[in-house]
Amino acid sequence: MKRIWAIAVLACLVLLLGCLPWGSVPRLVGFTFGEGSCSAGGETAQASAGPGALSFSGTFAAPTPCHRLKAVLQKIASQHQIVLSIVQEELATPCGQCLALIPYSGWIEGLGPGRWHVRVYHQDRKVLQGEFNVPAAP
C-alpha cells in the first residue's frame, strides 16, 4: 500500500512540474560582434520582439578597433524588465588610436508573453530604453 501511495504522489508531482512555466526564464542564447572600424558615426541600439524572444543589435563606440565585446544580461522576470549591458574588453594586440564602431547582435529567449521593459547600456551609457510587446511562444 505504501508503494502505491508513493507512486501516486510521484505521478502527481510530475504532472504538477509539467504545468510550471519553465520557458519564461530569460536567457541570452546568442551574441556576436564584428570587427571594429574607425568611423565618425555614433552609437546605435535597436531591439524587436518576437514570440517568446527579443532580438537586439547595434554599434558600440570604443576608443580603438581592438576591443572585444561581451553581453551581460540582468533580468527581473517578476517585473518583466531586462537590462542588457554591452561591455568592452581590450585585446592585448597593438592597435591604432581612433574612435571605432563595433557592430553586434544577439538574441534573448525564454520571455513570457506581455509587455517587457528593456534597457540597453554600452558600458555605463544608456543607448536604448523601451517597451516591447512579446507574444507567446508557440
C-alpha atoms as a PDB file:
ATOM      1  CA  MET A   1       0.000   0.000   0.000  1.00  0.00           C
ATOM      2  CA  LYS A   2       2.846   2.401   0.833  1.00  0.00           C
ATOM      3  CA  ARG A   3       4.393   1.701  -2.545  1.00  0.00           C
ATOM      4  CA  ILE A   4       1.192   2.566  -4.405  1.00  0.00           C
ATOM      5  CA  TRP A   5       0.876   5.749  -2.346  1.00  0.00           C
ATOM      6  CA  ALA A   6       4.463   6.766  -3.179  1.00  0.00           C
ATOM      7  CA  ILE A   7       3.920   6.130  -6.887  1.00  0.00           C
ATOM      8  CA  ALA A   8       0.706   8.192  -6.845  1.00  0.00           C
ATOM      9  CA  VAL A   9       2.457  11.112  -5.087  1.00  0.00           C
ATOM     10  CA  LEU A  10       5.360  10.948  -7.557  1.00  0.00           C
ATOM     11  CA  ALA A  11       2.960  10.928 -10.525  1.00  0.00           C
ATOM     12  CA  CYS A  12       1.155  13.992  -9.148  1.00  0.00           C
ATOM     13  CA  LEU A  13       4.469  15.822  -8.719  1.00  0.00           C
ATOM     14  CA  VAL A  14       5.492  15.048 -12.290  1.00  0.00           C
ATOM     15  CA  LEU A  15       2.148  16.389 -13.567  1.00  0.00           C
ATOM     16  CA  LEU A  16       2.457  19.495 -11.424  1.00  0.00           C
ATOM     17  CA  LEU A  17       6.010  20.221 -12.604  1.00  0.00           C
ATOM     18  CA  GLY A  18       4.866  19.905 -16.203  1.00  0.00           C
ATOM     19  CA  CYS A  19       2.441  22.797 -15.661  1.00  0.00           C
ATOM     20  CA  LEU A  20       5.053  25.266 -14.441  1.00  0.00           C
ATOM     21  CA  PRO A  21       6.188  27.995 -16.890  1.00  0.00           C
ATOM     22  CA  TRP A  22       9.733  26.717 -17.429  1.00  0.00           C
ATOM     23  CA  GLY A  23      10.067  28.623 -20.697  1.00  0.00           C
ATOM     24  CA  SER A  24       9.675  32.023 -19.021  1.00  0.00           C
ATOM     25  CA  VAL A  25      13.234  32.312 -17.706  1.00  0.00           C
ATOM     26  CA  PRO A  26      15.015  34.921 -19.871  1.00  0.00           C
ATOM     27  CA  ARG A  27      18.397  33.769 -21.147  1.00  0.00           C
ATOM     28  CA  LEU A  28      20.927  35.167 -23.580  1.00  0.00           C
ATOM     29  CA  VAL A  29      21.224  32.468 -26.263  1.00  0.00           C
ATOM     30  CA  GLY A  30      23.348  34.272 -28.808  1.00  0.00           C
ATOM     31  CA  PHE A  31      25.716  37.203 -29.040  1.00  0.00           C
ATOM     32  CA  THR A  32      28.135  38.056 -31.833  1.00  0.00           C
ATOM     33  CA  PHE A  33      30.203  41.097 -32.671  1.00  0.00           C
ATOM     34  CA  GLY A  34      32.112  42.151 -35.741  1.00  0.00           C
ATOM     35  CA  GLU A  35      35.418  43.782 -36.386  1.00  0.00           C
ATOM     36  CA  GLY A  36      35.717  47.399 -35.296  1.00  0.00           C
ATOM     37  CA  SER A  37      36.459  50.079 -37.841  1.00  0.00           C
ATOM     38  CA  CYS A  38      37.456  53.716 -37.463  1.00  0.00           C
ATOM     39  CA  SER A  39      34.382  55.827 -38.011  1.00  0.00           C
ATOM     40  CA  ALA A  40      32.930  59.217 -37.211  1.00  0.00           C
ATOM     41  CA  GLY A  41      29.415  57.830 -36.697  1.00  0.00           C
ATOM     42  CA  GLY A  42      27.589  57.435 -33.405  1.00  0.00           C
ATOM     43  CA  GLU A  43      26.493  54.523 -31.294  1.00  0.00           C
ATOM     44  CA  THR A  44      23.212  52.803 -32.080  1.00  0.00           C
ATOM     45  CA  ALA A  45      20.991  50.158 -30.485  1.00  0.00           C
ATOM     46  CA  GLN A  46      17.773  48.544 -31.694  1.00  0.00           C
ATOM     47  CA  ALA A  47      15.553  45.746 -30.415  1.00  0.00           C
ATOM     48  CA  SER A  48      12.498  43.905 -31.663  1.00  0.00           C
ATOM     49  CA  ALA A  49      10.181  41.370 -30.064  1.00  0.00           C
ATOM     50  CA  GLY A  50       9.141  38.003 -31.436  1.00  0.00           C
ATOM     51  CA  PRO A  51       7.308  35.011 -29.947  1.00  0.00           C
ATOM     52  CA  GLY A  52       8.910  34.480 -26.518  1.00  0.00           C
ATOM     53  CA  ALA A  53      12.080  36.307 -27.575  1.00  0.00           C
ATOM     54  CA  LEU A  54      13.810  39.618 -28.145  1.00  0.00           C
ATOM     55  CA  SER A  55      16.473  40.307 -30.775  1.00  0.00           C
ATOM     56  CA  PHE A  56      18.867  43.222 -30.481  1.00  0.00           C
ATOM     57  CA  SER A  57      21.663  44.833 -32.468  1.00  0.00           C
ATOM     58  CA  GLY A  58      23.731  47.967 -32.560  1.00  0.00           C
ATOM     59  CA  THR A  59      27.113  49.606 -32.896  1.00  0.00           C
ATOM     60  CA  PHE A  60      29.362  50.165 -29.894  1.00  0.00           C
ATOM     61  CA  ALA A  61      31.833  53.092 -29.787  1.00  0.00           C
ATOM     62  CA  ALA A  62      35.261  52.027 -28.481  1.00  0.00           C
ATOM     63  CA  PRO A  63      38.493  54.048 -28.153  1.00  0.00           C
ATOM     64  CA  THR A  64      40.256  51.694 -30.607  1.00  0.00           C
ATOM     65  CA  PRO A  65      39.106  48.967 -33.025  1.00  0.00           C
ATOM     66  CA  CYS A  66      40.997  46.377 -30.940  1.00  0.00           C
ATOM     67  CA  HIS A  67      38.254  45.571 -28.463  1.00  0.00           C
ATOM     68  CA  ARG A  68      36.141  42.502 -27.862  1.00  0.00           C
ATOM     69  CA  LEU A  69      32.515  42.932 -26.758  1.00  0.00           C
ATOM     70  CA  LYS A  70      30.659  40.967 -24.122  1.00  0.00           C
ATOM     71  CA  ALA A  71      26.928  40.954 -23.340  1.00  0.00           C
ATOM     72  CA  VAL A  72      25.713  40.752 -19.747  1.00  0.00           C
ATOM     73  CA  LEU A  73      22.011  40.082 -19.156  1.00  0.00           C
ATOM     74  CA  GLN A  74      20.286  41.140 -15.963  1.00  0.00           C
ATOM     75  CA  LYS A  75      16.647  40.265 -15.660  1.00  0.00           C
ATOM     76  CA  ILE A  76      13.871  40.943 -13.229  1.00  0.00           C
ATOM     77  CA  ALA A  77      11.352  38.470 -14.612  1.00  0.00           C
ATOM     78  CA  SER A  78       8.753  39.148 -11.927  1.00  0.00           C
ATOM     79  CA  GLN A  79       8.584  42.752 -13.123  1.00  0.00           C
ATOM     80  CA  HIS A  80       9.062  41.975 -16.834  1.00  0.00           C
ATOM     81  CA  GLN A  81      12.282  44.003 -17.006  1.00  0.00           C
ATOM     82  CA  ILE A  82      15.502  43.289 -18.868  1.00  0.00           C
ATOM     83  CA  VAL A  83      18.743  45.223 -18.550  1.00  0.00           C
ATOM     84  CA  LEU A  84      21.340  44.343 -21.159  1.00  0.00           C
ATOM     85  CA  SER A  85      24.875  45.699 -20.801  1.00  0.00           C
ATOM     86  CA  ILE A  86      27.341  45.571 -23.679  1.00  0.00           C
ATOM     87  CA  VAL A  87      30.846  45.970 -22.269  1.00  0.00           C
ATOM     88  CA  GLN A  88      34.261  46.187 -23.908  1.00  0.00           C
ATOM     89  CA  GLU A  89      37.341  44.110 -23.198  1.00  0.00           C
ATOM     90  CA  GLU A  90      40.608  45.418 -24.607  1.00  0.00           C
ATOM     91  CA  LEU A  91      42.718  42.983 -26.623  1.00  0.00           C
ATOM     92  CA  ALA A  92      46.455  42.730 -25.984  1.00  0.00           C
ATOM     93  CA  THR A  93      47.170  43.493 -29.647  1.00  0.00           C
ATOM     94  CA  PRO A  94      48.875  46.756 -30.691  1.00  0.00           C
ATOM     95  CA  CYS A  95      46.289  48.966 -32.300  1.00  0.00           C
ATOM     96  CA  GLY A  96      45.960  52.397 -33.870  1.00  0.00           C
ATOM     97  CA  GLN A  97      44.105  55.051 -31.919  1.00  0.00           C
ATOM     98  CA  CYS A  98      40.781  56.127 -33.395  1.00  0.00           C
ATOM     99  CA  LEU A  99      37.137  56.124 -32.400  1.00  0.00           C
ATOM    100  CA  ALA A 100      35.914  52.747 -33.590  1.00  0.00           C
ATOM    101  CA  LEU A 101      32.406  51.437 -34.089  1.00  0.00           C
ATOM    102  CA  ILE A 102      31.983  47.720 -33.401  1.00  0.00           C
ATOM    103  CA  PRO A 103      28.775  46.085 -34.688  1.00  0.00           C
ATOM    104  CA  TYR A 104      26.980  43.483 -32.553  1.00  0.00           C
ATOM    105  CA  SER A 105      23.777  41.457 -32.464  1.00  0.00           C
ATOM    106  CA  GLY A 106      22.132  38.914 -30.205  1.00  0.00           C
ATOM    107  CA  TRP A 107      19.047  37.067 -29.113  1.00  0.00           C
ATOM    108  CA  ILE A 108      17.264  36.604 -25.758  1.00  0.00           C
ATOM    109  CA  GLU A 109      14.808  33.711 -25.382  1.00  0.00           C
ATOM    110  CA  GLY A 110      12.512  32.448 -22.654  1.00  0.00           C
ATOM    111  CA  LEU A 111      10.412  35.592 -22.297  1.00  0.00           C
ATOM    112  CA  GLY A 112       6.868  35.162 -21.073  1.00  0.00           C
ATOM    113  CA  PRO A 113       4.127  36.896 -23.045  1.00  0.00           C
ATOM    114  CA  GLY A 114       3.349  40.501 -22.222  1.00  0.00           C
ATOM    115  CA  ARG A 115       4.951  43.929 -22.155  1.00  0.00           C
ATOM    116  CA  TRP A 116       8.678  43.909 -21.323  1.00  0.00           C
ATOM    117  CA  HIS A 117      10.643  46.989 -20.267  1.00  0.00           C
ATOM    118  CA  VAL A 118      14.086  46.881 -21.871  1.00  0.00           C
ATOM    119  CA  ARG A 119      17.194  48.996 -21.291  1.00  0.00           C
ATOM    120  CA  VAL A 120      20.456  48.571 -23.195  1.00  0.00           C
ATOM    121  CA  TYR A 121      23.708  50.069 -21.946  1.00  0.00           C
ATOM    122  CA  HIS A 122      27.081  50.451 -23.651  1.00  0.00           C
ATOM    123  CA  GLN A 123      29.401  50.370 -20.644  1.00  0.00           C
ATOM    124  CA  ASP A 124      27.507  52.871 -18.429  1.00  0.00           C
ATOM    125  CA  ARG A 125      25.853  54.832 -21.269  1.00  0.00           C
ATOM    126  CA  LYS A 126      22.124  54.144 -21.752  1.00  0.00           C
ATOM    127  CA  VAL A 127      21.585  53.790 -25.511  1.00  0.00           C
ATOM    128  CA  LEU A 128      18.103  52.245 -25.629  1.00  0.00           C
ATOM    129  CA  GLN A 129      15.062  52.227 -23.392  1.00  0.00           C
ATOM    130  CA  GLY A 130      11.690  50.987 -24.493  1.00  0.00           C
ATOM    131  CA  GLU A 131       8.730  48.723 -24.026  1.00  0.00           C
ATOM    132  CA  PHE A 132       8.247  45.694 -26.229  1.00  0.00           C
ATOM    133  CA  ASN A 133       5.132  43.550 -26.525  1.00  0.00           C
ATOM    134  CA  VAL A 134       6.303  39.925 -26.561  1.00  0.00           C
ATOM    135  CA  PRO A 135       3.777  37.442 -27.975  1.00  0.00           C
ATOM    136  CA  ALA A 136       3.518  33.936 -26.553  1.00  0.00           C
ATOM    137  CA  ALA A 137       5.947  31.364 -27.909  1.00  0.00           C
ATOM    138  CA  PRO A 138       4.353  28.556 -29.929  1.00  0.00           C
END
